[in-house]
Amino acid sequence: SREEKGRLDRDGFLPLPGILSREHAGRLGT
């Protein structure tokens, strides 16, 4: 979104929640 791009420009970082499910994240860790 425009807001996400703006935050990345301004703050230098952008959290993207839910890219992985908690279960998927756990499988990668395992």
PDB file of all heavy atoms in Angstrom:
ATOM      1  N   SER A   1       0.832  -1.196   0.000  1.00  0.00           N
ATOM      2  CA  SER A   1       0.000   0.000   0.000  1.00  0.00           C
ATOM      3  C   SER A   1       0.873   1.254   0.000  1.00  0.00           C
ATOM      4  O   SER A   1       2.075   1.206   0.283  1.00  0.00           O
ATOM      5  CB  SER A   1      -0.905   0.012   1.229  1.00  0.00           C
ATOM      6  OG  SER A   1      -0.134   0.202   2.409  1.00  0.00           O
ATOM      7  N   ARG A   2       0.258   2.382  -0.298  1.00  0.00           N
ATOM      8  CA  ARG A   2       0.981   3.648  -0.250  1.00  0.00           C
ATOM      9  C   ARG A   2       1.516   3.912   1.155  1.00  0.00           C
ATOM     10  O   ARG A   2       2.633   4.407   1.332  1.00  0.00           O
ATOM     11  CB  ARG A   2       0.054   4.791  -0.674  1.00  0.00           C
ATOM     12  CG  ARG A   2       0.718   6.159  -0.678  1.00  0.00           C
ATOM     13  CD  ARG A   2      -0.242   7.237  -1.122  1.00  0.00           C
ATOM     14  NE  ARG A   2      -0.725   7.006  -2.466  1.00  0.00           N
ATOM     15  CZ  ARG A   2      -1.626   7.780  -3.083  1.00  0.00           C
ATOM     16  NH1 ARG A   2      -2.127   8.839  -2.449  1.00  0.00           N
ATOM     17  NH2 ARG A   2      -2.009   7.506  -4.309  1.00  0.00           N
ATOM     18  N   GLU A   3       0.719   3.562   2.161  1.00  0.00           N
ATOM     19  CA  GLU A   3       1.139   3.772   3.543  1.00  0.00           C
ATOM     20  C   GLU A   3       2.350   2.897   3.892  1.00  0.00           C
ATOM     21  O   GLU A   3       3.275   3.339   4.587  1.00  0.00           O
ATOM     22  CB  GLU A   3      -0.025   3.477   4.491  1.00  0.00           C
ATOM     23  CG  GLU A   3      -1.164   4.472   4.447  1.00  0.00           C
ATOM     24  CD  GLU A   3      -2.033   4.330   3.200  1.00  0.00           C
ATOM     25  OE1 GLU A   3      -1.991   3.242   2.553  1.00  0.00           O
ATOM     26  OE2 GLU A   3      -2.745   5.305   2.847  1.00  0.00           O
ATOM     27  N   GLU A   4       2.344   1.660   3.410  1.00  0.00           N
ATOM     28  CA  GLU A   4       3.474   0.769   3.676  1.00  0.00           C
ATOM     29  C   GLU A   4       4.746   1.274   3.009  1.00  0.00           C
ATOM     30  O   GLU A   4       5.826   1.268   3.613  1.00  0.00           O
ATOM     31  CB  GLU A   4       3.146  -0.647   3.212  1.00  0.00           C
ATOM     32  CG  GLU A   4       2.117  -1.338   4.094  1.00  0.00           C
ATOM     33  CD  GLU A   4       1.640  -2.655   3.517  1.00  0.00           C
ATOM     34  OE1 GLU A   4       1.553  -2.786   2.265  1.00  0.00           O
ATOM     35  OE2 GLU A   4       1.337  -3.559   4.320  1.00  0.00           O
ATOM     36  N   LYS A   5       4.630   1.720   1.783  1.00  0.00           N
ATOM     37  CA  LYS A   5       5.799   2.272   1.097  1.00  0.00           C
ATOM     38  C   LYS A   5       6.315   3.520   1.820  1.00  0.00           C
ATOM     39  O   LYS A   5       7.532   3.703   1.968  1.00  0.00           O
ATOM     40  CB  LYS A   5       5.452   2.604  -0.348  1.00  0.00           C
ATOM     41  CG  LYS A   5       5.139   1.382  -1.207  1.00  0.00           C
ATOM     42  CD  LYS A   5       4.662   1.798  -2.599  1.00  0.00           C
ATOM     43  CE  LYS A   5       4.282   0.592  -3.443  1.00  0.00           C
ATOM     44  NZ  LYS A   5       3.745   0.989  -4.780  1.00  0.00           N
ATOM     45  N   GLY A   6       5.389   4.338   2.278  1.00  0.00           N
ATOM     46  CA  GLY A   6       5.784   5.546   2.995  1.00  0.00           C
ATOM     47  C   GLY A   6       6.503   5.237   4.292  1.00  0.00           C
ATOM     48  O   GLY A   6       7.480   5.914   4.654  1.00  0.00           O
ATOM     49  N   ARG A   7       6.035   4.213   4.989  1.00  0.00           N
ATOM     50  CA  ARG A   7       6.697   3.830   6.239  1.00  0.00           C
ATOM     51  C   ARG A   7       8.106   3.306   5.973  1.00  0.00           C
ATOM     52  O   ARG A   7       9.039   3.607   6.718  1.00  0.00           O
ATOM     53  CB  ARG A   7       5.865   2.784   6.962  1.00  0.00           C
ATOM     54  CG  ARG A   7       6.435   2.389   8.306  1.00  0.00           C
ATOM     55  CD  ARG A   7       5.512   1.474   9.080  1.00  0.00           C
ATOM     56  NE  ARG A   7       6.093   1.140  10.371  1.00  0.00           N
ATOM     57  CZ  ARG A   7       5.523   0.338  11.259  1.00  0.00           C
ATOM     58  NH1 ARG A   7       4.343  -0.205  11.000  1.00  0.00           N
ATOM     59  NH2 ARG A   7       6.120   0.079  12.407  1.00  0.00           N
ATOM     60  N   LEU A   8       8.253   2.542   4.910  1.00  0.00           N
ATOM     61  CA  LEU A   8       9.568   2.023   4.554  1.00  0.00           C
ATOM     62  C   LEU A   8      10.513   3.163   4.200  1.00  0.00           C
ATOM     63  O   LEU A   8      11.696   3.147   4.582  1.00  0.00           O
ATOM     64  CB  LEU A   8       9.410   1.047   3.392  1.00  0.00           C
ATOM     65  CG  LEU A   8      10.559   0.113   3.035  1.00  0.00           C
ATOM     66  CD1 LEU A   8      11.083  -0.638   4.251  1.00  0.00           C
ATOM     67  CD2 LEU A   8      10.109  -0.865   1.953  1.00  0.00           C
ATOM     68  N   ASP A   9      10.014   4.162   3.501  1.00  0.00           N
ATOM     69  CA  ASP A   9      10.836   5.333   3.168  1.00  0.00           C
ATOM     70  C   ASP A   9      11.209   6.120   4.418  1.00  0.00           C
ATOM     71  O   ASP A   9      12.369   6.502   4.596  1.00  0.00           O
ATOM     72  CB  ASP A   9      10.074   6.260   2.216  1.00  0.00           C
ATOM     73  CG  ASP A   9       9.904   5.672   0.830  1.00  0.00           C
ATOM     74  OD1 ASP A   9      10.681   4.776   0.461  1.00  0.00           O
ATOM     75  OD2 ASP A   9       8.971   6.106   0.122  1.00  0.00           O
ATOM     76  N   ARG A  10      10.224   6.354   5.272  1.00  0.00           N
ATOM     77  CA  ARG A  10      10.426   7.230   6.427  1.00  0.00           C
ATOM     78  C   ARG A  10      11.237   6.559   7.540  1.00  0.00           C
ATOM     79  O   ARG A  10      12.235   7.094   8.020  1.00  0.00           O
ATOM     80  CB  ARG A  10       9.063   7.670   6.973  1.00  0.00           C
ATOM     81  CG  ARG A  10       9.150   8.612   8.169  1.00  0.00           C
ATOM     82  CD  ARG A  10       7.773   8.857   8.773  1.00  0.00           C
ATOM     83  NE  ARG A  10       7.249   7.657   9.425  1.00  0.00           N
ATOM     84  CZ  ARG A  10       6.158   6.998   9.023  1.00  0.00           C
ATOM     85  NH1 ARG A  10       5.484   7.413   7.952  1.00  0.00           N
ATOM     86  NH2 ARG A  10       5.743   5.923   9.679  1.00  0.00           N
ATOM     87  N   ASP A  11      10.784   5.384   7.947  1.00  0.00           N
ATOM     88  CA  ASP A  11      11.369   4.709   9.109  1.00  0.00           C
ATOM     89  C   ASP A  11      12.526   3.791   8.742  1.00  0.00           C
ATOM     90  O   ASP A  11      13.377   3.489   9.581  1.00  0.00           O
ATOM     91  CB  ASP A  11      10.307   3.886   9.835  1.00  0.00           C
ATOM     92  CG  ASP A  11       9.178   4.739  10.372  1.00  0.00           C
ATOM     93  OD1 ASP A  11       9.407   5.935  10.623  1.00  0.00           O
ATOM     94  OD2 ASP A  11       8.057   4.201  10.555  1.00  0.00           O
ATOM     95  N   GLY A  12      12.520   3.277   7.508  1.00  0.00           N
ATOM     96  CA  GLY A  12      13.568   2.352   7.087  1.00  0.00           C
ATOM     97  C   GLY A  12      13.255   0.898   7.351  1.00  0.00           C
ATOM     98  O   GLY A  12      14.077   0.029   7.070  1.00  0.00           O
ATOM     99  N   PHE A  13      12.072   0.610   7.882  1.00  0.00           N
ATOM    100  CA  PHE A  13      11.677  -0.780   8.112  1.00  0.00           C
ATOM    101  C   PHE A  13      10.169  -0.903   7.988  1.00  0.00           C
ATOM    102  O   PHE A  13       9.430   0.076   8.123  1.00  0.00           O
ATOM    103  CB  PHE A  13      12.146  -1.262   9.491  1.00  0.00           C
ATOM    104  CG  PHE A  13      11.473  -0.575  10.654  1.00  0.00           C
ATOM    105  CD1 PHE A  13      10.353  -1.129  11.257  1.00  0.00           C
ATOM    106  CD2 PHE A  13      11.975   0.621  11.153  1.00  0.00           C
ATOM    107  CE1 PHE A  13       9.732  -0.491  12.327  1.00  0.00           C
ATOM    108  CE2 PHE A  13      11.369   1.262  12.227  1.00  0.00           C
ATOM    109  CZ  PHE A  13      10.243   0.699  12.810  1.00  0.00           C
ATOM    110  N   LEU A  14       9.718  -2.132   7.704  1.00  0.00           N
ATOM    111  CA  LEU A  14       8.299  -2.381   7.511  1.00  0.00           C
ATOM    112  C   LEU A  14       7.960  -3.784   7.979  1.00  0.00           C
ATOM    113  O   LEU A  14       8.404  -4.767   7.373  1.00  0.00           O
ATOM    114  CB  LEU A  14       7.926  -2.230   6.028  1.00  0.00           C
ATOM    115  CG  LEU A  14       6.477  -2.570   5.662  1.00  0.00           C
ATOM    116  CD1 LEU A  14       5.519  -1.553   6.298  1.00  0.00           C
ATOM    117  CD2 LEU A  14       6.299  -2.605   4.147  1.00  0.00           C
ATOM    118  N   PRO A  15       7.173  -3.931   9.062  1.00  0.00           N
ATOM    119  CA  PRO A  15       6.710  -5.254   9.467  1.00  0.00           C
ATOM    120  C   PRO A  15       5.618  -5.748   8.519  1.00  0.00           C
ATOM    121  O   PRO A  15       4.697  -5.004   8.174  1.00  0.00           O
ATOM    122  CB  PRO A  15       6.155  -5.022  10.877  1.00  0.00           C
ATOM    123  CG  PRO A  15       6.619  -3.651  11.276  1.00  0.00           C
ATOM    124  CD  PRO A  15       6.779  -2.881  10.016  1.00  0.00           C
ATOM    125  N   LEU A  16       5.735  -7.000   8.115  1.00  0.00           N
ATOM    126  CA  LEU A  16       4.723  -7.645   7.277  1.00  0.00           C
ATOM    127  C   LEU A  16       4.182  -8.836   8.068  1.00  0.00           C
ATOM    128  O   LEU A  16       4.731  -9.933   8.020  1.00  0.00           O
ATOM    129  CB  LEU A  16       5.355  -8.103   5.961  1.00  0.00           C
ATOM    130  CG  LEU A  16       5.951  -7.009   5.076  1.00  0.00           C
ATOM    131  CD1 LEU A  16       6.671  -7.634   3.883  1.00  0.00           C
ATOM    132  CD2 LEU A  16       4.865  -6.040   4.594  1.00  0.00           C
ATOM    133  N   PRO A  17       3.102  -8.624   8.825  1.00  0.00           N
ATOM    134  CA  PRO A  17       2.588  -9.709   9.673  1.00  0.00           C
ATOM    135  C   PRO A  17       1.929 -10.797   8.853  1.00  0.00           C
ATOM    136  O   PRO A  17       1.394 -10.559   7.766  1.00  0.00           O
ATOM    137  CB  PRO A  17       1.580  -8.995  10.573  1.00  0.00           C
ATOM    138  CG  PRO A  17       1.176  -7.774   9.815  1.00  0.00           C
ATOM    139  CD  PRO A  17       2.364  -7.367   9.005  1.00  0.00           C
ATOM    140  N   GLY A  18       1.996 -12.023   9.369  1.00  0.00           N
ATOM    141  CA  GLY A  18       1.255 -13.128   8.771  1.00  0.00           C
ATOM    142  C   GLY A  18       1.807 -13.643   7.463  1.00  0.00           C
ATOM    143  O   GLY A  18       1.091 -14.348   6.743  1.00  0.00           O
ATOM    144  N   ILE A  19       3.039 -13.336   7.121  1.00  0.00           N
ATOM    145  CA  ILE A  19       3.620 -13.902   5.905  1.00  0.00           C
ATOM    146  C   ILE A  19       3.657 -15.430   6.029  1.00  0.00           C
ATOM    147  O   ILE A  19       3.375 -16.168   5.078  1.00  0.00           O
ATOM    148  CB  ILE A  19       5.030 -13.348   5.655  1.00  0.00           C
ATOM    149  CG1 ILE A  19       4.985 -11.841   5.370  1.00  0.00           C
ATOM    150  CG2 ILE A  19       5.721 -14.096   4.515  1.00  0.00           C
ATOM    151  CD1 ILE A  19       4.326 -11.465   4.062  1.00  0.00           C
ATOM    152  N   LEU A  20       4.002 -15.905   7.215  1.00  0.00           N
ATOM    153  CA  LEU A  20       3.963 -17.329   7.528  1.00  0.00           C
ATOM    154  C   LEU A  20       2.965 -17.554   8.656  1.00  0.00           C
ATOM    155  O   LEU A  20       2.797 -16.691   9.524  1.00  0.00           O
ATOM    156  CB  LEU A  20       5.339 -17.830   7.992  1.00  0.00           C
ATOM    157  CG  LEU A  20       6.544 -17.611   7.091  1.00  0.00           C
ATOM    158  CD1 LEU A  20       7.811 -18.066   7.810  1.00  0.00           C
ATOM    159  CD2 LEU A  20       6.376 -18.357   5.772  1.00  0.00           C
ATOM    160  N   SER A  21       2.328 -18.697   8.654  1.00  0.00           N
ATOM    161  CA  SER A  21       1.562 -19.079   9.827  1.00  0.00           C
ATOM    162  C   SER A  21       2.527 -19.462  10.936  1.00  0.00           C
ATOM    163  O   SER A  21       3.708 -19.748  10.695  1.00  0.00           O
ATOM    164  CB  SER A  21       0.639 -20.258   9.512  1.00  0.00           C
ATOM    165  OG  SER A  21       1.406 -21.429   9.262  1.00  0.00           O
ATOM    166  N   ARG A  22       2.035 -19.474  12.168  1.00  0.00           N
ATOM    167  CA  ARG A  22       2.882 -19.893  13.280  1.00  0.00           C
ATOM    168  C   ARG A  22       3.376 -21.327  13.063  1.00  0.00           C
ATOM    169  O   ARG A  22       4.524 -21.655  13.375  1.00  0.00           O
ATOM    170  CB  ARG A  22       2.112 -19.765  14.590  1.00  0.00           C
ATOM    171  CG  ARG A  22       2.945 -20.071  15.832  1.00  0.00           C
ATOM    172  CD  ARG A  22       2.145 -19.768  17.095  1.00  0.00           C
ATOM    173  NE  ARG A  22       1.953 -18.340  17.250  1.00  0.00           N
ATOM    174  CZ  ARG A  22       2.810 -17.537  17.871  1.00  0.00           C
ATOM    175  NH1 ARG A  22       3.935 -18.030  18.376  1.00  0.00           N
ATOM    176  NH2 ARG A  22       2.554 -16.254  17.993  1.00  0.00           N
ATOM    177  N   GLU A  23       2.513 -22.183  12.514  1.00  0.00           N
ATOM    178  CA  GLU A  23       2.883 -23.574  12.261  1.00  0.00           C
ATOM    179  C   GLU A  23       3.970 -23.667  11.194  1.00  0.00           C
ATOM    180  O   GLU A  23       4.919 -24.449  11.322  1.00  0.00           O
ATOM    181  CB  GLU A  23       1.664 -24.381  11.851  1.00  0.00           C
ATOM    182  CG  GLU A  23       0.612 -24.565  12.940  1.00  0.00           C
ATOM    183  CD  GLU A  23      -0.186 -23.297  13.231  1.00  0.00           C
ATOM    184  OE1 GLU A  23      -0.239 -22.405  12.351  1.00  0.00           O
ATOM    185  OE2 GLU A  23      -0.739 -23.194  14.346  1.00  0.00           O
ATOM    186  N   HIS A  24       3.829 -22.877  10.137  1.00  0.00           N
ATOM    187  CA  HIS A  24       4.833 -22.864   9.065  1.00  0.00           C
ATOM    188  C   HIS A  24       6.179 -22.385   9.608  1.00  0.00           C
ATOM    189  O   HIS A  24       7.238 -22.971   9.319  1.00  0.00           O
ATOM    190  CB  HIS A  24       4.351 -21.964   7.930  1.00  0.00           C
ATOM    191  CG  HIS A  24       5.160 -22.059   6.682  1.00  0.00           C
ATOM    192  ND1 HIS A  24       4.834 -21.370   5.530  1.00  0.00           N
ATOM    193  CD2 HIS A  24       6.299 -22.744   6.387  1.00  0.00           C
ATOM    194  CE1 HIS A  24       5.737 -21.637   4.590  1.00  0.00           C
ATOM    195  NE2 HIS A  24       6.637 -22.465   5.085  1.00  0.00           N
ATOM    196  N   ALA A  25       6.151 -21.329  10.412  1.00  0.00           N
ATOM    197  CA  ALA A  25       7.384 -20.832  11.015  1.00  0.00           C
ATOM    198  C   ALA A  25       8.048 -21.907  11.866  1.00  0.00           C
ATOM    199  O   ALA A  25       9.273 -22.091  11.834  1.00  0.00           O
ATOM    200  CB  ALA A  25       7.096 -19.587  11.852  1.00  0.00           C
ATOM    201  N   GLY A  26       7.234 -22.644  12.606  1.00  0.00           N
ATOM    202  CA  GLY A  26       7.773 -23.714  13.441  1.00  0.00           C
ATOM    203  C   GLY A  26       8.419 -24.822  12.626  1.00  0.00           C
ATOM    204  O   GLY A  26       9.450 -25.372  13.020  1.00  0.00           O
ATOM    205  N   ARG A  27       7.814 -25.141  11.488  1.00  0.00           N
ATOM    206  CA  ARG A  27       8.396 -26.186  10.635  1.00  0.00           C
ATOM    207  C   ARG A  27       9.743 -25.753  10.085  1.00  0.00           C
ATOM    208  O   ARG A  27      10.682 -26.572   9.986  1.00  0.00           O
ATOM    209  CB  ARG A  27       7.439 -26.526   9.489  1.00  0.00           C
ATOM    210  CG  ARG A  27       6.172 -27.267   9.934  1.00  0.00           C
ATOM    211  CD  ARG A  27       5.459 -27.896   8.754  1.00  0.00           C
ATOM    212  NE  ARG A  27       5.015 -26.933   7.765  1.00  0.00           N
ATOM    213  CZ  ARG A  27       3.843 -26.296   7.811  1.00  0.00           C
ATOM    214  NH1 ARG A  27       3.004 -26.523   8.821  1.00  0.00           N
ATOM    215  NH2 ARG A  27       3.490 -25.451   6.858  1.00  0.00           N
ATOM    216  N   LEU A  28       9.868 -24.491   9.724  1.00  0.00           N
ATOM    217  CA  LEU A  28      11.154 -23.997   9.234  1.00  0.00           C
ATOM    218  C   LEU A  28      12.212 -24.076  10.338  1.00  0.00           C
ATOM    219  O   LEU A  28      13.362 -24.464  10.089  1.00  0.00           O
ATOM    220  CB  LEU A  28      11.014 -22.563   8.731  1.00  0.00           C
ATOM    221  CG  LEU A  28      10.192 -22.351   7.456  1.00  0.00           C
ATOM    222  CD1 LEU A  28      10.085 -20.872   7.139  1.00  0.00           C
ATOM    223  CD2 LEU A  28      10.781 -23.105   6.274  1.00  0.00           C
ATOM    224  N   GLY A  29      11.825 -23.712  11.548  1.00  0.00           N
ATOM    225  CA  GLY A  29      12.758 -23.794  12.656  1.00  0.00           C
ATOM    226  C   GLY A  29      13.202 -25.218  12.939  1.00  0.00           C
ATOM    227  O   GLY A  29      14.385 -25.480  13.189  1.00  0.00           O
ATOM    228  N   THR A  30      12.248 -26.151  12.873  1.00  0.00           N
ATOM    229  CA  THR A  30      12.581 -27.559  13.086  1.00  0.00           C
ATOM    230  C   THR A  30      13.560 -28.057  12.036  1.00  0.00           C
ATOM    231  O   THR A  30      14.522 -28.781  12.337  1.00  0.00           O
ATOM    232  CB  THR A  30      11.308 -28.418  13.063  1.00  0.00           C
ATOM    233  OG1 THR A  30      10.453 -28.013  14.144  1.00  0.00           O
ATOM    234  CG2 THR A  30      11.633 -29.896  13.203  1.00  0.00           C
TER     235      THR A  30
END
